[in-house]
Amino acid sequence: MKLYTVFTVASIAGAVAANTTCRALVLSGGGNNGAWEAGLLHGFVNAGNPADFAYDVVTGVSAGSINALAFAGWEIGKEVEMAAWISDLWKNLKTSDVWKDWTIGKVAGLTYK
């Protein structure tokens, strides 16, 4: 079992044992899903009550983990600012920010031994 799964389950179990509410958000992976999730969260916090989106536990896989990391950098109560920041991050992201071509060329890079 992965460490983040153990942490998530332990956090939820602790909230249940204390008879309190624990809000958890699990974000999926898959390239453009990260941008979609950021846009969705931006819409939620700006159209609804931001306090409804103050999660106790946030986890994700692949692109979702990037968004989960963004959540970790913001205090509870700063959901509007967080959503704007992560939405802008995805909106301004370029391929060159995450992908670097081989200096010796793509074909040579793939066949290099």
PDB file of N, CA and C in Angstrom:
ATOM      1  N   MET A   1       0.851  -1.164   0.000  1.00  0.00           N
ATOM      2  CA  MET A   1       0.000   0.000   0.000  1.00  0.00           C
ATOM      3  C   MET A   1       0.901   1.234   0.000  1.00  0.00           C
ATOM      4  N   LYS A   2       0.562   2.196  -0.804  1.00  0.00           N
ATOM      5  CA  LYS A   2       1.345   3.423  -0.913  1.00  0.00           C
ATOM      6  C   LYS A   2       1.173   4.277   0.346  1.00  0.00           C
ATOM      7  N   LEU A   3       2.202   5.064   0.645  1.00  0.00           N
ATOM      8  CA  LEU A   3       2.196   5.899   1.839  1.00  0.00           C
ATOM      9  C   LEU A   3       1.031   6.881   1.840  1.00  0.00           C
ATOM     10  N   TYR A   4       0.742   7.520   0.673  1.00  0.00           N
ATOM     11  CA  TYR A   4      -0.353   8.497   0.655  1.00  0.00           C
ATOM     12  C   TYR A   4      -1.692   7.832   0.887  1.00  0.00           C
ATOM     13  N   THR A   5      -1.836   6.556   0.488  1.00  0.00           N
ATOM     14  CA  THR A   5      -3.079   5.836   0.744  1.00  0.00           C
ATOM     15  C   THR A   5      -3.227   5.597   2.241  1.00  0.00           C
ATOM     16  N   VAL A   6      -2.143   5.200   2.889  1.00  0.00           N
ATOM     17  CA  VAL A   6      -2.162   4.975   4.331  1.00  0.00           C
ATOM     18  C   VAL A   6      -2.507   6.270   5.055  1.00  0.00           C
ATOM     19  N   PHE A   7      -1.873   7.385   4.639  1.00  0.00           N
ATOM     20  CA  PHE A   7      -2.140   8.685   5.264  1.00  0.00           C
ATOM     21  C   PHE A   7      -3.602   9.071   5.098  1.00  0.00           C
ATOM     22  N   THR A   8      -4.137   8.904   3.895  1.00  0.00           N
ATOM     23  CA  THR A   8      -5.529   9.262   3.626  1.00  0.00           C
ATOM     24  C   THR A   8      -6.480   8.441   4.482  1.00  0.00           C
ATOM     25  N   VAL A   9      -6.265   7.127   4.502  1.00  0.00           N
ATOM     26  CA  VAL A   9      -7.137   6.248   5.284  1.00  0.00           C
ATOM     27  C   VAL A   9      -7.025   6.580   6.765  1.00  0.00           C
ATOM     28  N   ALA A  10      -5.812   6.814   7.271  1.00  0.00           N
ATOM     29  CA  ALA A  10      -5.625   7.150   8.682  1.00  0.00           C
ATOM     30  C   ALA A  10      -6.312   8.463   9.033  1.00  0.00           C
ATOM     31  N   SER A  11      -6.231   9.451   8.151  1.00  0.00           N
ATOM     32  CA  SER A  11      -6.868  10.746   8.409  1.00  0.00           C
ATOM     33  C   SER A  11      -8.381  10.622   8.465  1.00  0.00           C
ATOM     34  N   ILE A  12      -8.938   9.880   7.536  1.00  0.00           N
ATOM     35  CA  ILE A  12     -10.393   9.698   7.511  1.00  0.00           C
ATOM     36  C   ILE A  12     -10.841   8.881   8.719  1.00  0.00           C
ATOM     37  N   ALA A  13     -10.090   7.834   9.048  1.00  0.00           N
ATOM     38  CA  ALA A  13     -10.435   7.006  10.211  1.00  0.00           C
ATOM     39  C   ALA A  13     -10.383   7.826  11.495  1.00  0.00           C
ATOM     40  N   GLY A  14      -9.397   8.716  11.604  1.00  0.00           N
ATOM     41  CA  GLY A  14      -9.299   9.574  12.787  1.00  0.00           C
ATOM     42  C   GLY A  14     -10.489  10.503  12.914  1.00  0.00           C
ATOM     43  N   ALA A  15     -10.950  11.044  11.802  1.00  0.00           N
ATOM     44  CA  ALA A  15     -12.105  11.939  11.829  1.00  0.00           C
ATOM     45  C   ALA A  15     -13.375  11.187  12.206  1.00  0.00           C
ATOM     46  N   VAL A  16     -13.518   9.975  11.692  1.00  0.00           N
ATOM     47  CA  VAL A  16     -14.693   9.167  12.020  1.00  0.00           C
ATOM     48  C   VAL A  16     -14.683   8.811  13.505  1.00  0.00           C
ATOM     49  N   ALA A  17     -13.511   8.429  14.023  1.00  0.00           N
ATOM     50  CA  ALA A  17     -13.391   8.071  15.433  1.00  0.00           C
ATOM     51  C   ALA A  17     -13.700   9.261  16.333  1.00  0.00           C
ATOM     52  N   ALA A  18     -13.352  10.447  15.907  1.00  0.00           N
ATOM     53  CA  ALA A  18     -13.611  11.648  16.700  1.00  0.00           C
ATOM     54  C   ALA A  18     -15.029  12.173  16.477  1.00  0.00           C
ATOM     55  N   ASN A  19     -15.794  11.469  15.639  1.00  0.00           N
ATOM     56  CA  ASN A  19     -17.170  11.846  15.324  1.00  0.00           C
ATOM     57  C   ASN A  19     -17.236  13.259  14.721  1.00  0.00           C
ATOM     58  N   THR A  20     -16.293  13.576  13.851  1.00  0.00           N
ATOM     59  CA  THR A  20     -16.276  14.854  13.159  1.00  0.00           C
ATOM     60  C   THR A  20     -16.319  14.594  11.659  1.00  0.00           C
ATOM     61  N   THR A  21     -16.432  15.647  10.922  1.00  0.00           N
ATOM     62  CA  THR A  21     -16.454  15.541   9.476  1.00  0.00           C
ATOM     63  C   THR A  21     -15.044  15.712   8.931  1.00  0.00           C
ATOM     64  N   CYS A  22     -14.684  14.863   8.004  1.00  0.00           N
ATOM     65  CA  CYS A  22     -13.400  14.964   7.318  1.00  0.00           C
ATOM     66  C   CYS A  22     -13.692  15.073   5.832  1.00  0.00           C
ATOM     67  N   ARG A  23     -13.265  16.153   5.233  1.00  0.00           N
ATOM     68  CA  ARG A  23     -13.472  16.347   3.799  1.00  0.00           C
ATOM     69  C   ARG A  23     -12.202  15.954   3.066  1.00  0.00           C
ATOM     70  N   ALA A  24     -12.348  15.000   2.165  1.00  0.00           N
ATOM     71  CA  ALA A  24     -11.194  14.520   1.399  1.00  0.00           C
ATOM     72  C   ALA A  24     -11.450  14.740  -0.077  1.00  0.00           C
ATOM     73  N   LEU A  25     -10.398  15.050  -0.805  1.00  0.00           N
ATOM     74  CA  LEU A  25     -10.465  15.243  -2.244  1.00  0.00           C
ATOM     75  C   LEU A  25      -9.377  14.394  -2.868  1.00  0.00           C
ATOM     76  N   VAL A  26      -9.776  13.553  -3.822  1.00  0.00           N
ATOM     77  CA  VAL A  26      -8.838  12.704  -4.547  1.00  0.00           C
ATOM     78  C   VAL A  26      -8.873  13.139  -6.002  1.00  0.00           C
ATOM     79  N   LEU A  27      -7.710  13.531  -6.523  1.00  0.00           N
ATOM     80  CA  LEU A  27      -7.610  14.064  -7.879  1.00  0.00           C
ATOM     81  C   LEU A  27      -6.970  13.040  -8.801  1.00  0.00           C
ATOM     82  N   SER A  28      -7.552  12.875  -9.979  1.00  0.00           N
ATOM     83  CA  SER A  28      -7.046  11.884 -10.924  1.00  0.00           C
ATOM     84  C   SER A  28      -5.886  12.427 -11.740  1.00  0.00           C
ATOM     85  N   GLY A  29      -5.236  11.546 -12.410  1.00  0.00           N
ATOM     86  CA  GLY A  29      -4.140  11.933 -13.291  1.00  0.00           C
ATOM     87  C   GLY A  29      -4.599  11.939 -14.739  1.00  0.00           C
ATOM     88  N   GLY A  30      -3.653  12.176 -15.613  1.00  0.00           N
ATOM     89  CA  GLY A  30      -3.965  12.101 -17.031  1.00  0.00           C
ATOM     90  C   GLY A  30      -3.805  13.416 -17.748  1.00  0.00           C
ATOM     91  N   GLY A  31      -2.609  13.949 -17.784  1.00  0.00           N
ATOM     92  CA  GLY A  31      -2.292  15.124 -18.602  1.00  0.00           C
ATOM     93  C   GLY A  31      -3.235  16.287 -18.424  1.00  0.00           C
ATOM     94  N   ASN A  32      -4.117  16.467 -19.383  1.00  0.00           N
ATOM     95  CA  ASN A  32      -5.017  17.618 -19.382  1.00  0.00           C
ATOM     96  C   ASN A  32      -6.034  17.586 -18.248  1.00  0.00           C
ATOM     97  N   ASN A  33      -6.208  16.447 -17.599  1.00  0.00           N
ATOM     98  CA  ASN A  33      -7.134  16.398 -16.461  1.00  0.00           C
ATOM     99  C   ASN A  33      -6.709  17.354 -15.359  1.00  0.00           C
ATOM    100  N   GLY A  34      -5.415  17.577 -15.211  1.00  0.00           N
ATOM    101  CA  GLY A  34      -4.932  18.516 -14.199  1.00  0.00           C
ATOM    102  C   GLY A  34      -5.452  19.914 -14.447  1.00  0.00           C
ATOM    103  N   ALA A  35      -5.410  20.354 -15.694  1.00  0.00           N
ATOM    104  CA  ALA A  35      -5.931  21.679 -16.040  1.00  0.00           C
ATOM    105  C   ALA A  35      -7.441  21.725 -15.866  1.00  0.00           C
ATOM    106  N   TRP A  36      -8.106  20.654 -16.244  1.00  0.00           N
ATOM    107  CA  TRP A  36      -9.563  20.586 -16.097  1.00  0.00           C
ATOM    108  C   TRP A  36      -9.946  20.668 -14.625  1.00  0.00           C
ATOM    109  N   GLU A  37      -9.228  19.916 -13.765  1.00  0.00           N
ATOM    110  CA  GLU A  37      -9.503  19.944 -12.326  1.00  0.00           C
ATOM    111  C   GLU A  37      -9.302  21.348 -11.758  1.00  0.00           C
ATOM    112  N   ALA A  38      -8.232  22.008 -12.174  1.00  0.00           N
ATOM    113  CA  ALA A  38      -7.956  23.365 -11.683  1.00  0.00           C
ATOM    114  C   ALA A  38      -9.076  24.319 -12.093  1.00  0.00           C
ATOM    115  N   GLY A  39      -9.536  24.211 -13.323  1.00  0.00           N
ATOM    116  CA  GLY A  39     -10.636  25.058 -13.787  1.00  0.00           C
ATOM    117  C   GLY A  39     -11.928  24.775 -13.051  1.00  0.00           C
ATOM    118  N   LEU A  40     -12.187  23.504 -12.797  1.00  0.00           N
ATOM    119  CA  LEU A  40     -13.386  23.122 -12.064  1.00  0.00           C
ATOM    120  C   LEU A  40     -13.358  23.661 -10.634  1.00  0.00           C
ATOM    121  N   LEU A  41     -12.231  23.509  -9.972  1.00  0.00           N
ATOM    122  CA  LEU A  41     -12.101  24.036  -8.616  1.00  0.00           C
ATOM    123  C   LEU A  41     -12.229  25.557  -8.591  1.00  0.00           C
ATOM    124  N   HIS A  42     -11.657  26.209  -9.597  1.00  0.00           N
ATOM    125  CA  HIS A  42     -11.779  27.673  -9.689  1.00  0.00           C
ATOM    126  C   HIS A  42     -13.250  28.066  -9.796  1.00  0.00           C
ATOM    127  N   GLY A  43     -13.994  27.362 -10.625  1.00  0.00           N
ATOM    128  CA  GLY A  43     -15.423  27.642 -10.766  1.00  0.00           C
ATOM    129  C   GLY A  43     -16.196  27.376  -9.485  1.00  0.00           C
ATOM    130  N   PHE A  44     -15.881  26.262  -8.827  1.00  0.00           N
ATOM    131  CA  PHE A  44     -16.569  25.923  -7.581  1.00  0.00           C
ATOM    132  C   PHE A  44     -16.384  26.992  -6.511  1.00  0.00           C
ATOM    133  N   VAL A  45     -15.139  27.390  -6.259  1.00  0.00           N
ATOM    134  CA  VAL A  45     -14.897  28.331  -5.156  1.00  0.00           C
ATOM    135  C   VAL A  45     -15.386  29.737  -5.485  1.00  0.00           C
ATOM    136  N   ASN A  46     -15.467  30.076  -6.765  1.00  0.00           N
ATOM    137  CA  ASN A  46     -15.934  31.412  -7.134  1.00  0.00           C
ATOM    138  C   ASN A  46     -17.439  31.486  -7.304  1.00  0.00           C
ATOM    139  N   ALA A  47     -18.095  30.376  -7.595  1.00  0.00           N
ATOM    140  CA  ALA A  47     -19.542  30.386  -7.776  1.00  0.00           C
ATOM    141  C   ALA A  47     -20.284  29.921  -6.525  1.00  0.00           C
ATOM    142  N   GLY A  48     -19.587  29.209  -5.663  1.00  0.00           N
ATOM    143  CA  GLY A  48     -20.213  28.695  -4.456  1.00  0.00           C
ATOM    144  C   GLY A  48     -19.599  29.312  -3.211  1.00  0.00           C
ATOM    145  N   ASN A  49     -19.759  28.606  -2.132  1.00  0.00           N
ATOM    146  CA  ASN A  49     -19.178  29.038  -0.870  1.00  0.00           C
ATOM    147  C   ASN A  49     -17.787  28.422  -0.760  1.00  0.00           C
ATOM    148  N   PRO A  50     -16.725  29.237  -0.764  1.00  0.00           N
ATOM    149  CA  PRO A  50     -15.367  28.687  -0.708  1.00  0.00           C
ATOM    150  C   PRO A  50     -15.134  27.770   0.495  1.00  0.00           C
ATOM    151  N   ALA A  51     -15.825  27.999   1.595  1.00  0.00           N
ATOM    152  CA  ALA A  51     -15.654  27.165   2.786  1.00  0.00           C
ATOM    153  C   ALA A  51     -16.090  25.721   2.527  1.00  0.00           C
ATOM    154  N   ASP A  52     -16.977  25.517   1.551  1.00  0.00           N
ATOM    155  CA  ASP A  52     -17.406  24.165   1.200  1.00  0.00           C
ATOM    156  C   ASP A  52     -16.282  23.377   0.523  1.00  0.00           C
ATOM    157  N   PHE A  53     -15.231  24.055   0.113  1.00  0.00           N
ATOM    158  CA  PHE A  53     -14.135  23.408  -0.601  1.00  0.00           C
ATOM    159  C   PHE A  53     -12.830  23.486   0.187  1.00  0.00           C
ATOM    160  N   ALA A  54     -12.954  23.595   1.497  1.00  0.00           N
ATOM    161  CA  ALA A  54     -11.797  23.563   2.396  1.00  0.00           C
ATOM    162  C   ALA A  54     -11.612  22.110   2.814  1.00  0.00           C
ATOM    163  N   TYR A  55     -10.719  21.405   2.132  1.00  0.00           N
ATOM    164  CA  TYR A  55     -10.535  19.977   2.357  1.00  0.00           C
ATOM    165  C   TYR A  55      -9.497  19.714   3.441  1.00  0.00           C
ATOM    166  N   ASP A  56      -9.753  18.664   4.227  1.00  0.00           N
ATOM    167  CA  ASP A  56      -8.817  18.248   5.262  1.00  0.00           C
ATOM    168  C   ASP A  56      -7.697  17.391   4.674  1.00  0.00           C
ATOM    169  N   VAL A  57      -8.039  16.602   3.677  1.00  0.00           N
ATOM    170  CA  VAL A  57      -7.086  15.698   3.039  1.00  0.00           C
ATOM    171  C   VAL A  57      -7.218  15.869   1.536  1.00  0.00           C
ATOM    172  N   VAL A  58      -6.098  16.101   0.860  1.00  0.00           N
ATOM    173  CA  VAL A  58      -6.083  16.199  -0.601  1.00  0.00           C
ATOM    174  C   VAL A  58      -4.962  15.310  -1.102  1.00  0.00           C
ATOM    175  N   THR A  59      -5.282  14.460  -2.049  1.00  0.00           N
ATOM    176  CA  THR A  59      -4.287  13.576  -2.640  1.00  0.00           C
ATOM    177  C   THR A  59      -4.568  13.451  -4.124  1.00  0.00           C
ATOM    178  N   GLY A  60      -3.579  13.011  -4.865  1.00  0.00           N
ATOM    179  CA  GLY A  60      -3.774  12.867  -6.292  1.00  0.00           C
ATOM    180  C   GLY A  60      -2.699  12.016  -6.918  1.00  0.00           C
ATOM    181  N   VAL A  61      -2.930  11.667  -8.156  1.00  0.00           N
ATOM    182  CA  VAL A  61      -2.005  10.861  -8.939  1.00  0.00           C
ATOM    183  C   VAL A  61      -1.633  11.647 -10.181  1.00  0.00           C
ATOM    184  N   SER A  62      -0.371  11.624 -10.543  1.00  0.00           N
ATOM    185  CA  SER A  62       0.139  12.244 -11.758  1.00  0.00           C
ATOM    186  C   SER A  62      -0.225  13.732 -11.785  1.00  0.00           C
ATOM    187  N   ALA A  63      -0.995  14.171 -12.778  1.00  0.00           N
ATOM    188  CA  ALA A  63      -1.375  15.586 -12.851  1.00  0.00           C
ATOM    189  C   ALA A  63      -2.177  16.003 -11.617  1.00  0.00           C
ATOM    190  N   GLY A  64      -2.949  15.087 -11.068  1.00  0.00           N
ATOM    191  CA  GLY A  64      -3.696  15.375  -9.844  1.00  0.00           C
ATOM    192  C   GLY A  64      -2.781  15.623  -8.656  1.00  0.00           C
ATOM    193  N   SER A  65      -1.601  14.999  -8.661  1.00  0.00           N
ATOM    194  CA  SER A  65      -0.666  15.242  -7.566  1.00  0.00           C
ATOM    195  C   SER A  65      -0.075  16.643  -7.642  1.00  0.00           C
ATOM    196  N   ILE A  66       0.041  17.186  -8.844  1.00  0.00           N
ATOM    197  CA  ILE A  66       0.494  18.577  -8.997  1.00  0.00           C
ATOM    198  C   ILE A  66      -0.532  19.508  -8.352  1.00  0.00           C
ATOM    199  N   ASN A  67      -1.796  19.252  -8.607  1.00  0.00           N
ATOM    200  CA  ASN A  67      -2.846  20.072  -8.000  1.00  0.00           C
ATOM    201  C   ASN A  67      -2.915  19.853  -6.487  1.00  0.00           C
ATOM    202  N   ALA A  68      -2.716  18.619  -6.034  1.00  0.00           N
ATOM    203  CA  ALA A  68      -2.717  18.350  -4.597  1.00  0.00           C
ATOM    204  C   ALA A  68      -1.574  19.095  -3.920  1.00  0.00           C
ATOM    205  N   LEU A  69      -0.431  19.139  -4.572  1.00  0.00           N
ATOM    206  CA  LEU A  69       0.703  19.888  -4.037  1.00  0.00           C
ATOM    207  C   LEU A  69       0.370  21.378  -3.959  1.00  0.00           C
ATOM    208  N   ALA A  70      -0.348  21.878  -4.944  1.00  0.00           N
ATOM    209  CA  ALA A  70      -0.762  23.289  -4.924  1.00  0.00           C
ATOM    210  C   ALA A  70      -1.675  23.562  -3.727  1.00  0.00           C
ATOM    211  N   PHE A  71      -2.578  22.633  -3.430  1.00  0.00           N
ATOM    212  CA  PHE A  71      -3.436  22.780  -2.256  1.00  0.00           C
ATOM    213  C   PHE A  71      -2.600  22.875  -0.994  1.00  0.00           C
ATOM    214  N   ALA A  72      -1.545  22.076  -0.907  1.00  0.00           N
ATOM    215  CA  ALA A  72      -0.729  21.997   0.303  1.00  0.00           C
ATOM    216  C   ALA A  72      -0.032  23.315   0.622  1.00  0.00           C
ATOM    217  N   GLY A  73       0.150  24.144  -0.373  1.00  0.00           N
ATOM    218  CA  GLY A  73       0.846  25.408  -0.158  1.00  0.00           C
ATOM    219  C   GLY A  73      -0.034  26.546   0.328  1.00  0.00           C
ATOM    220  N   TRP A  74      -1.311  26.293   0.504  1.00  0.00           N
ATOM    221  CA  TRP A  74      -2.244  27.350   0.896  1.00  0.00           C
ATOM    222  C   TRP A  74      -2.959  26.986   2.190  1.00  0.00           C
ATOM    223  N   GLU A  75      -3.188  27.969   3.017  1.00  0.00           N
ATOM    224  CA  GLU A  75      -3.921  27.771   4.268  1.00  0.00           C
ATOM    225  C   GLU A  75      -5.398  27.552   3.982  1.00  0.00           C
ATOM    226  N   ILE A  76      -6.062  26.853   4.902  1.00  0.00           N
ATOM    227  CA  ILE A  76      -7.518  26.756   4.828  1.00  0.00           C
ATOM    228  C   ILE A  76      -8.063  28.169   4.994  1.00  0.00           C
ATOM    229  N   GLY A  77      -9.017  28.510   4.158  1.00  0.00           N
ATOM    230  CA  GLY A  77      -9.564  29.864   4.149  1.00  0.00           C
ATOM    231  C   GLY A  77      -9.055  30.683   2.974  1.00  0.00           C
ATOM    232  N   LYS A  78      -8.059  30.148   2.264  1.00  0.00           N
ATOM    233  CA  LYS A  78      -7.483  30.836   1.106  1.00  0.00           C
ATOM    234  C   LYS A  78      -7.809  30.081  -0.187  1.00  0.00           C
ATOM    235  N   GLU A  79      -8.979  29.432  -0.225  1.00  0.00           N
ATOM    236  CA  GLU A  79      -9.332  28.606  -1.371  1.00  0.00           C
ATOM    237  C   GLU A  79      -9.484  29.419  -2.659  1.00  0.00           C
ATOM    238  N   VAL A  80     -10.020  30.631  -2.556  1.00  0.00           N
ATOM    239  CA  VAL A  80     -10.199  31.469  -3.756  1.00  0.00           C
ATOM    240  C   VAL A  80      -8.837  31.828  -4.352  1.00  0.00           C
ATOM    241  N   GLU A  81      -7.908  32.243  -3.492  1.00  0.00           N
ATOM    242  CA  GLU A  81      -6.571  32.593  -3.972  1.00  0.00           C
ATOM    243  C   GLU A  81      -5.847  31.386  -4.541  1.00  0.00           C
ATOM    244  N   MET A  82      -5.996  30.221  -3.873  1.00  0.00           N
ATOM    245  CA  MET A  82      -5.361  28.992  -4.333  1.00  0.00           C
ATOM    246  C   MET A  82      -5.893  28.590  -5.698  1.00  0.00           C
ATOM    247  N   ALA A  83      -7.208  28.642  -5.863  1.00  0.00           N
ATOM    248  CA  ALA A  83      -7.810  28.248  -7.134  1.00  0.00           C
ATOM    249  C   ALA A  83      -7.370  29.174  -8.266  1.00  0.00           C
ATOM    250  N   ALA A  84      -7.262  30.458  -7.986  1.00  0.00           N
ATOM    251  CA  ALA A  84      -6.789  31.406  -9.002  1.00  0.00           C
ATOM    252  C   ALA A  84      -5.335  31.110  -9.371  1.00  0.00           C
ATOM    253  N   TRP A  85      -4.506  30.816  -8.363  1.00  0.00           N
ATOM    254  CA  TRP A  85      -3.095  30.553  -8.611  1.00  0.00           C
ATOM    255  C   TRP A  85      -2.900  29.292  -9.448  1.00  0.00           C
ATOM    256  N   ILE A  86      -3.551  28.192  -9.056  1.00  0.00           N
ATOM    257  CA  ILE A  86      -3.356  26.928  -9.786  1.00  0.00           C
ATOM    258  C   ILE A  86      -3.979  27.009 -11.176  1.00  0.00           C
ATOM    259  N   SER A  87      -5.080  27.734 -11.312  1.00  0.00           N
ATOM    260  CA  SER A  87      -5.692  27.914 -12.626  1.00  0.00           C
ATOM    261  C   SER A  87      -4.764  28.699 -13.554  1.00  0.00           C
ATOM    262  N   ASP A  88      -4.158  29.761 -13.029  1.00  0.00           N
ATOM    263  CA  ASP A  88      -3.200  30.541 -13.818  1.00  0.00           C
ATOM    264  C   ASP A  88      -1.970  29.716 -14.180  1.00  0.00           C
ATOM    265  N   LEU A  89      -1.525  28.869 -13.253  1.00  0.00           N
ATOM    266  CA  LEU A  89      -0.376  28.015 -13.529  1.00  0.00           C
ATOM    267  C   LEU A  89      -0.636  27.122 -14.744  1.00  0.00           C
ATOM    268  N   TRP A  90      -1.778  26.451 -14.744  1.00  0.00           N
ATOM    269  CA  TRP A  90      -2.108  25.568 -15.871  1.00  0.00           C
ATOM    270  C   TRP A  90      -2.361  26.365 -17.146  1.00  0.00           C
ATOM    271  N   LYS A  91      -2.987  27.524 -17.011  1.00  0.00           N
ATOM    272  CA  LYS A  91      -3.301  28.338 -18.191  1.00  0.00           C
ATOM    273  C   LYS A  91      -2.038  28.822 -18.890  1.00  0.00           C
ATOM    274  N   ASN A  92      -1.007  29.124 -18.129  1.00  0.00           N
ATOM    275  CA  ASN A  92       0.223  29.668 -18.692  1.00  0.00           C
ATOM    276  C   ASN A  92       1.313  28.627 -18.930  1.00  0.00           C
ATOM    277  N   LEU A  93       1.027  27.359 -18.664  1.00  0.00           N
ATOM    278  CA  LEU A  93       2.015  26.298 -18.831  1.00  0.00           C
ATOM    279  C   LEU A  93       2.276  26.029 -20.309  1.00  0.00           C
ATOM    280  N   LYS A  94       3.544  25.939 -20.660  1.00  0.00           N
ATOM    281  CA  LYS A  94       3.938  25.644 -22.042  1.00  0.00           C
ATOM    282  C   LYS A  94       4.654  24.298 -22.071  1.00  0.00           C
ATOM    283  N   THR A  95       4.636  23.661 -23.207  1.00  0.00           N
ATOM    284  CA  THR A  95       5.324  22.386 -23.363  1.00  0.00           C
ATOM    285  C   THR A  95       6.783  22.501 -22.959  1.00  0.00           C
ATOM    286  N   SER A  96       7.417  23.595 -23.305  1.00  0.00           N
ATOM    287  CA  SER A  96       8.834  23.772 -22.975  1.00  0.00           C
ATOM    288  C   SER A  96       9.085  23.868 -21.469  1.00  0.00           C
ATOM    289  N   ASP A  97       8.028  24.118 -20.673  1.00  0.00           N
ATOM    290  CA  ASP A  97       8.177  24.158 -19.222  1.00  0.00           C
ATOM    291  C   ASP A  97       8.326  22.761 -18.615  1.00  0.00           C
ATOM    292  N   VAL A  98       7.831  21.745 -19.318  1.00  0.00           N
ATOM    293  CA  VAL A  98       7.844  20.390 -18.768  1.00  0.00           C
ATOM    294  C   VAL A  98       8.564  19.371 -19.644  1.00  0.00           C
ATOM    295  N   TRP A  99       8.906  19.720 -20.843  1.00  0.00           N
ATOM    296  CA  TRP A  99       9.518  18.787 -21.783  1.00  0.00           C
ATOM    297  C   TRP A  99      10.771  19.409 -22.363  1.00  0.00           C
ATOM    298  N   LYS A 100      11.850  18.688 -22.338  1.00  0.00           N
ATOM    299  CA  LYS A 100      13.094  19.183 -22.909  1.00  0.00           C
ATOM    300  C   LYS A 100      13.526  18.215 -23.997  1.00  0.00           C
ATOM    301  N   ASP A 101      13.724  18.733 -25.189  1.00  0.00           N
ATOM    302  CA  ASP A 101      14.199  17.898 -26.286  1.00  0.00           C
ATOM    303  C   ASP A 101      15.652  17.514 -26.053  1.00  0.00           C
ATOM    304  N   TRP A 102      16.004  16.358 -26.527  1.00  0.00           N
ATOM    305  CA  TRP A 102      17.391  15.919 -26.467  1.00  0.00           C
ATOM    306  C   TRP A 102      18.229  16.870 -27.311  1.00  0.00           C
ATOM    307  N   THR A 103      19.359  17.267 -26.803  1.00  0.00           N
ATOM    308  CA  THR A 103      20.224  18.173 -27.563  1.00  0.00           C
ATOM    309  C   THR A 103      20.818  17.468 -28.785  1.00  0.00           C
ATOM    310  N   ILE A 104      20.842  16.142 -28.764  1.00  0.00           N
ATOM    311  CA  ILE A 104      21.384  15.396 -29.908  1.00  0.00           C
ATOM    312  C   ILE A 104      20.295  14.992 -30.889  1.00  0.00           C
ATOM    313  N   GLY A 105      19.075  15.436 -30.676  1.00  0.00           N
ATOM    314  CA  GLY A 105      17.968  15.132 -31.569  1.00  0.00           C
ATOM    315  C   GLY A 105      17.071  14.034 -31.004  1.00  0.00           C
ATOM    316  N   LYS A 106      15.808  14.040 -31.407  1.00  0.00           N
ATOM    317  CA  LYS A 106      14.827  13.082 -30.860  1.00  0.00           C
ATOM    318  C   LYS A 106      15.164  11.639 -31.231  1.00  0.00           C
ATOM    319  N   VAL A 107      15.441  11.397 -32.498  1.00  0.00           N
ATOM    320  CA  VAL A 107      15.724  10.026 -32.934  1.00  0.00           C
ATOM    321  C   VAL A 107      17.000   9.529 -32.291  1.00  0.00           C
ATOM    322  N   ALA A 108      18.035  10.334 -32.289  1.00  0.00           N
ATOM    323  CA  ALA A 108      19.303   9.937 -31.680  1.00  0.00           C
ATOM    324  C   ALA A 108      19.134   9.726 -30.172  1.00  0.00           C
ATOM    325  N   GLY A 109      18.312  10.540 -29.540  1.00  0.00           N
ATOM    326  CA  GLY A 109      18.070  10.402 -28.113  1.00  0.00           C
ATOM    327  C   GLY A 109      17.354   9.103 -27.773  1.00  0.00           C
ATOM    328  N   LEU A 110      16.413   8.710 -28.603  1.00  0.00           N
ATOM    329  CA  LEU A 110      15.670   7.459 -28.369  1.00  0.00           C
ATOM    330  C   LEU A 110      16.511   6.227 -28.651  1.00  0.00           C
ATOM    331  N   THR A 111      17.470   6.336 -29.564  1.00  0.00           N
ATOM    332  CA  THR A 111      18.270   5.171 -29.939  1.00  0.00           C
ATOM    333  C   THR A 111      19.649   5.190 -29.301  1.00  0.00           C
ATOM    334  N   TYR A 112      19.922   6.156 -28.456  1.00  0.00           N
ATOM    335  CA  TYR A 112      21.229   6.302 -27.814  1.00  0.00           C
ATOM    336  C   TYR A 112      21.452   5.140 -26.841  1.00  0.00           C
ATOM    337  N   LYS A 113      22.652   4.575 -26.880  1.00  0.00           N
ATOM    338  CA  LYS A 113      22.977   3.447 -25.981  1.00  0.00           C
ATOM    339  C   LYS A 113      24.014   3.839 -24.993  1.00  0.00           C
TER     340      LYS A 113
END
